[in-house]
Structures are given as structure tokens and as C-alpha cells.
C-alpha atoms as a PDB file:
ATOM      1  CA  MET A   1       7.769  20.455  56.244  1.00  0.00           C
ATOM      2  CA  LEU A   2       5.593  20.442  59.325  1.00  0.00           C
ATOM      3  CA  THR A   3       7.129  19.232  62.597  1.00  0.00           C
ATOM      4  CA  TRP A   4       5.142  18.346  65.730  1.00  0.00           C
ATOM      5  CA  ALA A   5       7.784  19.946  67.968  1.00  0.00           C
ATOM      6  CA  ARG A   6       7.188  23.473  66.645  1.00  0.00           C
ATOM      7  CA  PRO A   7       4.193  25.270  68.146  1.00  0.00           C
ATOM      8  CA  ARG A   8       3.177  26.950  64.884  1.00  0.00           C
ATOM      9  CA  ASP A   9       3.290  23.648  62.982  1.00  0.00           C
ATOM     10  CA  LEU A  10       1.354  21.894  65.750  1.00  0.00           C
ATOM     11  CA  SER A  11      -1.277  24.624  65.518  1.00  0.00           C
ATOM     12  CA  HIS A  12      -1.761  23.787  61.835  1.00  0.00           C
ATOM     13  CA  TYR A  13      -2.588  20.184  62.804  1.00  0.00           C
ATOM     14  CA  GLU A  14      -4.795  21.152  65.732  1.00  0.00           C
ATOM     15  CA  THR A  15      -6.795  23.643  63.682  1.00  0.00           C
ATOM     16  CA  PHE A  16      -6.646  21.645  60.449  1.00  0.00           C
ATOM     17  CA  GLU A  17     -10.084  22.527  59.102  1.00  0.00           C
ATOM     18  CA  HIS A  18      -9.734  26.234  59.873  1.00  0.00           C
ATOM     19  CA  TYR A  19      -6.165  26.289  58.524  1.00  0.00           C
ATOM     20  CA  HIS A  20      -7.235  24.858  55.170  1.00  0.00           C
ATOM     21  CA  ALA A  21     -10.311  27.064  54.981  1.00  0.00           C
ATOM     22  CA  THR A  22      -8.078  30.129  55.394  1.00  0.00           C
ATOM     23  CA  PHE A  23      -4.942  28.809  53.683  1.00  0.00           C
ATOM     24  CA  TYR A  24      -4.601  31.710  51.267  1.00  0.00           C
ATOM     25  CA  GLN A  25      -4.163  34.244  54.046  1.00  0.00           C
ATOM     26  CA  HIS A  26      -0.676  32.742  54.441  1.00  0.00           C
ATOM     27  CA  VAL A  27       0.172  33.412  50.787  1.00  0.00           C
ATOM     28  CA  GLU A  28       1.209  36.855  49.625  1.00  0.00           C
ATOM     29  CA  ALA A  29      -1.109  38.053  46.892  1.00  0.00           C
ATOM     30  CA  GLN A  30       0.414  39.215  43.626  1.00  0.00           C
ATOM     31  CA  SER A  31      -1.205  42.039  41.764  1.00  0.00           C
ATOM     32  CA  VAL A  32      -1.683  41.631  38.023  1.00  0.00           C
ATOM     33  CA  THR A  33      -3.292  44.142  35.736  1.00  0.00           C
ATOM     34  CA  PRO A  34      -5.242  42.100  33.182  1.00  0.00           C
ATOM     35  CA  PHE A  35      -4.103  42.538  29.599  1.00  0.00           C
ATOM     36  CA  SER A  36      -1.357  45.013  30.481  1.00  0.00           C
ATOM     37  CA  PRO A  37       1.642  44.888  28.119  1.00  0.00           C
ATOM     38  CA  ARG A  38       3.699  43.004  30.740  1.00  0.00           C
ATOM     39  CA  ALA A  39       0.898  40.480  31.343  1.00  0.00           C
ATOM     40  CA  LEU A  40       0.573  39.949  27.576  1.00  0.00           C
ATOM     41  CA  ASP A  41       4.336  39.368  27.283  1.00  0.00           C
ATOM     42  CA  ARG A  42       4.188  36.608  29.871  1.00  0.00           C
ATOM     43  CA  GLY A  43       0.853  34.936  29.292  1.00  0.00           C
ATOM     44  CA  LEU A  44      -0.584  35.596  25.841  1.00  0.00           C
ATOM     45  CA  THR A  45       1.256  32.830  23.990  1.00  0.00           C
ATOM     46  CA  GLY A  46       0.273  30.230  26.573  1.00  0.00           C
ATOM     47  CA  ALA A  47      -3.366  31.315  26.459  1.00  0.00           C
ATOM     48  CA  MET A  48      -3.392  31.308  22.654  1.00  0.00           C
ATOM     49  CA  LEU A  49      -1.851  27.845  22.445  1.00  0.00           C
ATOM     50  CA  SER A  50      -4.167  26.492  25.134  1.00  0.00           C
ATOM     51  CA  ILE A  51      -7.175  27.542  23.096  1.00  0.00           C
ATOM     52  CA  MET A  52      -5.706  26.230  19.838  1.00  0.00           C
ATOM     53  CA  ARG A  53      -4.596  22.868  21.225  1.00  0.00           C
ATOM     54  CA  ASN A  54      -7.695  22.176  23.324  1.00  0.00           C
ATOM     55  CA  THR A  55     -10.259  23.290  20.747  1.00  0.00           C
ATOM     56  CA  TYR A  56      -8.864  22.183  17.386  1.00  0.00           C
ATOM     57  CA  ASP A  57      -7.735  18.582  16.848  1.00  0.00           C
ATOM     58  CA  PRO A  58      -5.040  19.270  14.207  1.00  0.00           C
ATOM     59  CA  PHE A  59      -3.149  21.429  16.723  1.00  0.00           C
ATOM     60  CA  ALA A  60      -3.494  19.080  19.721  1.00  0.00           C
ATOM     61  CA  PRO A  61      -0.496  16.730  19.352  1.00  0.00           C
ATOM     62  CA  ASN A  62       3.088  17.856  19.786  1.00  0.00           C
ATOM     63  CA  THR A  63       3.578  17.752  16.024  1.00  0.00           C
ATOM     64  CA  GLY A  64       0.434  19.872  15.604  1.00  0.00           C
ATOM     65  CA  ALA A  65       2.646  22.959  15.753  1.00  0.00           C
ATOM     66  CA  GLY A  66       3.454  22.298  12.103  1.00  0.00           C
ATOM     67  CA  ALA A  67      -0.235  22.520  11.126  1.00  0.00           C
ATOM     68  CA  MET A  68      -0.148  26.342  11.132  1.00  0.00           C
ATOM     69  CA  ASN A  69       0.332  26.779   7.383  1.00  0.00           C
ATOM     70  CA  SER A  70      -1.279  30.233   7.249  1.00  0.00           C
ATOM     71  CA  PRO A  71      -1.764  32.984   9.852  1.00  0.00           C
ATOM     72  CA  SER A  72      -5.295  33.464   8.525  1.00  0.00           C
ATOM     73  CA  ARG A  73      -6.473  29.907   9.227  1.00  0.00           C
ATOM     74  CA  PRO A  74     -10.043  29.935  10.568  1.00  0.00           C
ATOM     75  CA  GLU A  75      -8.872  28.376  13.845  1.00  0.00           C
ATOM     76  CA  MET A  76      -6.420  31.216  14.406  1.00  0.00           C
ATOM     77  CA  THR A  77      -8.822  33.996  13.430  1.00  0.00           C
ATOM     78  CA  THR A  78     -11.447  32.535  15.783  1.00  0.00           C
ATOM     79  CA  THR A  79      -8.883  32.339  18.605  1.00  0.00           C
ATOM     80  CA  ILE A  80      -7.824  35.934  18.015  1.00  0.00           C
ATOM     81  CA  GLY A  81     -11.484  36.964  18.125  1.00  0.00           C
ATOM     82  CA  VAL A  82     -12.133  35.045  21.360  1.00  0.00           C
ATOM     83  CA  VAL A  83      -9.122  36.521  23.171  1.00  0.00           C
ATOM     84  CA  SER A  84      -9.690  40.078  21.945  1.00  0.00           C
ATOM     85  CA  GLU A  85     -13.374  39.853  22.920  1.00  0.00           C
ATOM     86  CA  ARG A  86     -12.377  38.610  26.365  1.00  0.00           C
ATOM     87  CA  THR A  87      -9.967  41.541  26.633  1.00  0.00           C
ATOM     88  CA  TRP A  88     -12.845  43.920  25.976  1.00  0.00           C
ATOM     89  CA  GLU A  89     -15.116  42.142  28.505  1.00  0.00           C
ATOM     90  CA  VAL A  90     -12.491  42.416  31.243  1.00  0.00           C
ATOM     91  CA  THR A  91     -11.087  45.882  30.582  1.00  0.00           C
ATOM     92  CA  GLU A  92     -13.612  47.757  28.415  1.00  0.00           C
ATOM     93  CA  ASP A  93     -10.535  49.430  26.956  1.00  0.00           C
ATOM     94  CA  SER A  94     -10.345  49.537  23.166  1.00  0.00           C
ATOM     95  CA  ALA A  95      -6.576  50.222  23.256  1.00  0.00           C
ATOM     96  CA  LYS A  96      -5.917  47.038  25.271  1.00  0.00           C
ATOM     97  CA  LYS A  97      -8.212  45.060  22.979  1.00  0.00           C
ATOM     98  CA  ALA A  98      -6.323  46.371  19.928  1.00  0.00           C
ATOM     99  CA  LEU A  99      -2.964  45.585  21.571  1.00  0.00           C
ATOM    100  CA  ALA A 100      -3.997  41.999  22.369  1.00  0.00           C
ATOM    101  CA  GLU A 101      -5.284  41.525  18.817  1.00  0.00           C
ATOM    102  CA  GLN A 102      -2.098  42.980  17.321  1.00  0.00           C
ATOM    103  CA  GLU A 103       0.118  40.757  19.492  1.00  0.00           C
ATOM    104  CA  LEU A 104      -1.886  37.656  18.564  1.00  0.00           C
ATOM    105  CA  LYS A 105      -1.658  38.461  14.848  1.00  0.00           C
ATOM    106  CA  HIS A 106       2.094  38.961  15.218  1.00  0.00           C
ATOM    107  CA  ARG A 107       2.400  35.556  16.893  1.00  0.00           C
ATOM    108  CA  ALA A 108       0.255  33.950  14.180  1.00  0.00           C
ATOM    109  CA  ASP A 109       2.559  35.391  11.493  1.00  0.00           C
ATOM    110  CA  ASP A 110       5.663  34.139  13.301  1.00  0.00           C
ATOM    111  CA  TRP A 111       4.122  30.720  13.884  1.00  0.00           C
ATOM    112  CA  ALA A 112       3.153  30.294  10.209  1.00  0.00           C
ATOM    113  CA  LYS A 113       6.631  31.410   9.137  1.00  0.00           C
ATOM    114  CA  GLU A 114       8.274  28.837  11.442  1.00  0.00           C
ATOM    115  CA  ALA A 115       5.915  26.093  10.228  1.00  0.00           C
ATOM    116  CA  GLY A 116       6.793  26.910   6.610  1.00  0.00           C
ATOM    117  CA  VAL A 117      10.533  26.319   7.021  1.00  0.00           C
ATOM    118  CA  GLY A 118      11.420  23.131   5.165  1.00  0.00           C
ATOM    119  CA  GLY A 119      13.694  20.287   6.231  1.00  0.00           C
ATOM    120  CA  ARG A 120      12.422  20.053   9.793  1.00  0.00           C
ATOM    121  CA  THR A 121       9.375  19.104  11.816  1.00  0.00           C
ATOM    122  CA  LEU A 122       7.934  21.919  13.907  1.00  0.00           C
ATOM    123  CA  VAL A 123       6.830  20.677  17.327  1.00  0.00           C
ATOM    124  CA  TYR A 124       5.725  22.450  20.474  1.00  0.00           C
ATOM    125  CA  GLN A 125       8.416  20.812  22.617  1.00  0.00           C
ATOM    126  CA  LYS A 126      11.527  18.902  21.568  1.00  0.00           C
ATOM    127  CA  TYR A 127      11.286  16.151  24.197  1.00  0.00           C
ATOM    128  CA  GLY A 128      11.400  12.815  22.352  1.00  0.00           C
ATOM    129  CA  ALA A 129      10.264  14.316  19.046  1.00  0.00           C
ATOM    130  CA  GLY A 130      13.155  13.056  16.926  1.00  0.00           C
ATOM    131  CA  PRO A 131      16.285  14.462  15.315  1.00  0.00           C
ATOM    132  CA  THR A 132      14.572  16.738  12.782  1.00  0.00           C
ATOM    133  CA  ALA A 133      12.226  18.267  15.365  1.00  0.00           C
ATOM    134  CA  TYR A 134      12.441  21.999  15.947  1.00  0.00           C
ATOM    135  CA  PRO A 135      10.678  23.328  19.067  1.00  0.00           C
ATOM    136  CA  LEU A 136       8.343  26.293  18.722  1.00  0.00           C
ATOM    137  CA  LEU A 137       8.223  26.968  22.462  1.00  0.00           C
ATOM    138  CA  GLU A 138      10.992  27.938  24.845  1.00  0.00           C
ATOM    139  CA  THR A 139      11.065  27.380  28.582  1.00  0.00           C
ATOM    140  CA  PRO A 140      11.872  30.228  30.945  1.00  0.00           C
ATOM    141  CA  GLY A 141      15.429  30.397  32.150  1.00  0.00           C
ATOM    142  CA  VAL A 142      18.411  32.683  32.135  1.00  0.00           C
ATOM    143  CA  LYS A 143      17.918  33.637  28.485  1.00  0.00           C
ATOM    144  CA  PRO A 144      15.815  36.714  27.687  1.00  0.00           C
ATOM    145  CA  TRP A 145      12.110  36.012  27.135  1.00  0.00           C
ATOM    146  CA  THR A 146      10.745  35.938  23.604  1.00  0.00           C
ATOM    147  CA  ASP A 147       7.186  35.765  22.293  1.00  0.00           C
ATOM    148  CA  TRP A 148       7.520  31.983  22.405  1.00  0.00           C
ATOM    149  CA  THR A 149       8.702  31.628  25.993  1.00  0.00           C
ATOM    150  CA  VAL A 150       5.894  29.934  27.867  1.00  0.00           C
ATOM    151  CA  PRO A 151       6.035  29.308  31.616  1.00  0.00           C
ATOM    152  CA  MET A 152       5.030  25.891  32.880  1.00  0.00           C
ATOM    153  CA  SER A 153       4.043  27.415  36.217  1.00  0.00           C
ATOM    154  CA  MET A 154       3.008  30.841  37.453  1.00  0.00           C
ATOM    155  CA  ARG A 155       6.174  30.802  39.573  1.00  0.00           C
ATOM    156  CA  GLU A 156       8.260  31.079  36.397  1.00  0.00           C
ATOM    157  CA  VAL A 157       7.114  34.574  35.550  1.00  0.00           C
ATOM    158  CA  GLU A 158      10.287  36.189  36.868  1.00  0.00           C
ATOM    159  CA  PRO A 159      13.729  34.610  37.190  1.00  0.00           C
ATOM    160  CA  GLY A 160      15.002  33.635  40.612  1.00  0.00           C
ATOM    161  CA  VAL A 161      17.679  35.607  42.375  1.00  0.00           C
ATOM    162  CA  ARG A 162      20.816  33.794  43.354  1.00  0.00           C
ATOM    163  CA  LEU A 163      22.028  34.678  46.805  1.00  0.00           C
ATOM    164  CA  VAL A 164      25.405  33.349  47.849  1.00  0.00           C
ATOM    165  CA  MET A 165      26.450  33.579  51.459  1.00  0.00           C
ATOM    166  CA  GLU A 166      30.121  33.035  52.110  1.00  0.00           C
ATOM    167  CA  ASP A 167      30.544  31.425  55.501  1.00  0.00           C
ATOM    168  CA  SER A 168      34.173  32.482  55.843  1.00  0.00           C
ATOM    169  CA  ARG A 169      33.174  36.152  55.671  1.00  0.00           C
ATOM    170  CA  SER A 170      30.232  35.881  58.037  1.00  0.00           C
ATOM    171  CA  THR A 171      32.349  34.523  60.913  1.00  0.00           C
ATOM    172  CA  ASN A 172      35.107  37.139  60.568  1.00  0.00           C
ATOM    173  CA  ASP A 173      33.358  40.289  61.617  1.00  0.00           C
ATOM    174  CA  PRO A 174      35.273  43.513  61.135  1.00  0.00           C
ATOM    175  CA  ALA A 175      36.967  45.007  64.151  1.00  0.00           C
ATOM    176  CA  TRP A 176      34.547  47.256  65.983  1.00  0.00           C
ATOM    177  CA  ARG A 177      35.271  49.729  68.718  1.00  0.00           C
ATOM    178  CA  ALA A 178      32.752  51.735  70.637  1.00  0.00           C
ATOM    179  CA  ARG A 179      33.063  55.465  70.276  1.00  0.00           C
ATOM    180  CA  VAL A 180      33.889  57.215  73.479  1.00  0.00           C
ATOM    181  CA  ALA A 181      31.233  59.789  74.365  1.00  0.00           C
ATOM    182  CA  PRO A 182      32.635  63.233  75.126  1.00  0.00           C
ATOM    183  CA  ALA A 183      32.524  64.329  78.753  1.00  0.00           C
ATOM    184  CA  ASP A 184      30.467  67.453  77.968  1.00  0.00           C
ATOM    185  CA  GLY A 185      27.605  65.390  76.489  1.00  0.00           C
ATOM    186  CA  GLY A 186      28.020  66.784  72.932  1.00  0.00           C
ATOM    187  CA  GLU A 187      28.447  64.752  69.791  1.00  0.00           C
ATOM    188  CA  ALA A 188      31.822  63.334  68.900  1.00  0.00           C
END
């Protein structure tokens, strides 16, 4: 919230064009190693589903999650190929390419297994999907992450830290007494 009475905020208005041209210098950069195991844990499912839902019409709607009747569907094998090829282009590391491919195949198996469970409708998200809907995806929160936890924002990669400051403690400082220095100048 910018306020005209603060010099730093006023500077943002006065140097508006320069401020916006150099906005990212005010944001701390986060380092990410592409296709590292941690990056795959957090982003692979979202990338896979983005490709599936935006490229193939049967998977686009919320109820399209139930269309995965086999992990070897052509749509899935093409998606696995696209992501593993991109892994190779970025890293030129055959171990990372194999890891990405293995993780995608594991997710495809899990997805097909969930879609095959009878008596329910598999959807991506439960919101307004009906009483028999079962969500494939989980949102980040206090629960441990699974392969199907997908962040809705890059700020949801790690959980927040709760900091509680008790006002009653902060105003009652402990008693403090200065140490008397010895007359000979040595340490006490």
C-alpha cells in the first residue's frame, strides 16, 4: 500500500516509469534447478495436467479426469514424450530425463487406477461437481504433499510459517543489571 507521506513510496510515483522498468530488482530471486527431484515433486503433476487439459478435448472439463481409462492412452504417452524430451533439451542429462519419464508413468498409472474405481465420478476439483464426485487433485495446505498436490500459485510451493508474538511478554522485559567492571581493568 503506497502512501504519499512516505519518501520511498513517493519516489515510486515520481519515478514511475523507471520503477516499473526495474520492478524485479525489488523481488528476491528464487533459485530452482530444472527437473531436480524436488522441482518434479512440486511441479510435474501441474505441468502434465496442463498439457493434457489444454491439448486434448476429452480431458479439458472438470469431469475429464475420469477419461483416463488406461495409462497407455495415446494422449498420455505423447505427453510423457513431450515432457521427457523437454527435460533432455533443458538439462542434457539422461538420468533426469529417465526420472521425469518414470514419475510421469507412475502418475499415469495412479490416475488410471483412480478413474477405474466404480461408484463415483472422478473430477479434477470437487467444487460444485456433485455428491458422487471424487477429486483427483489436492490443494497445498498443512497436510503432507502427495503426487496429486498441485499449487495454484508459485507462492504455495512451501508452507507458511506461523509466528505468534505475545504482547504481554514483549512489554515485561527481564530484569537486567549492568555488570560492574573490575577496578584493575580485567574481565569479571
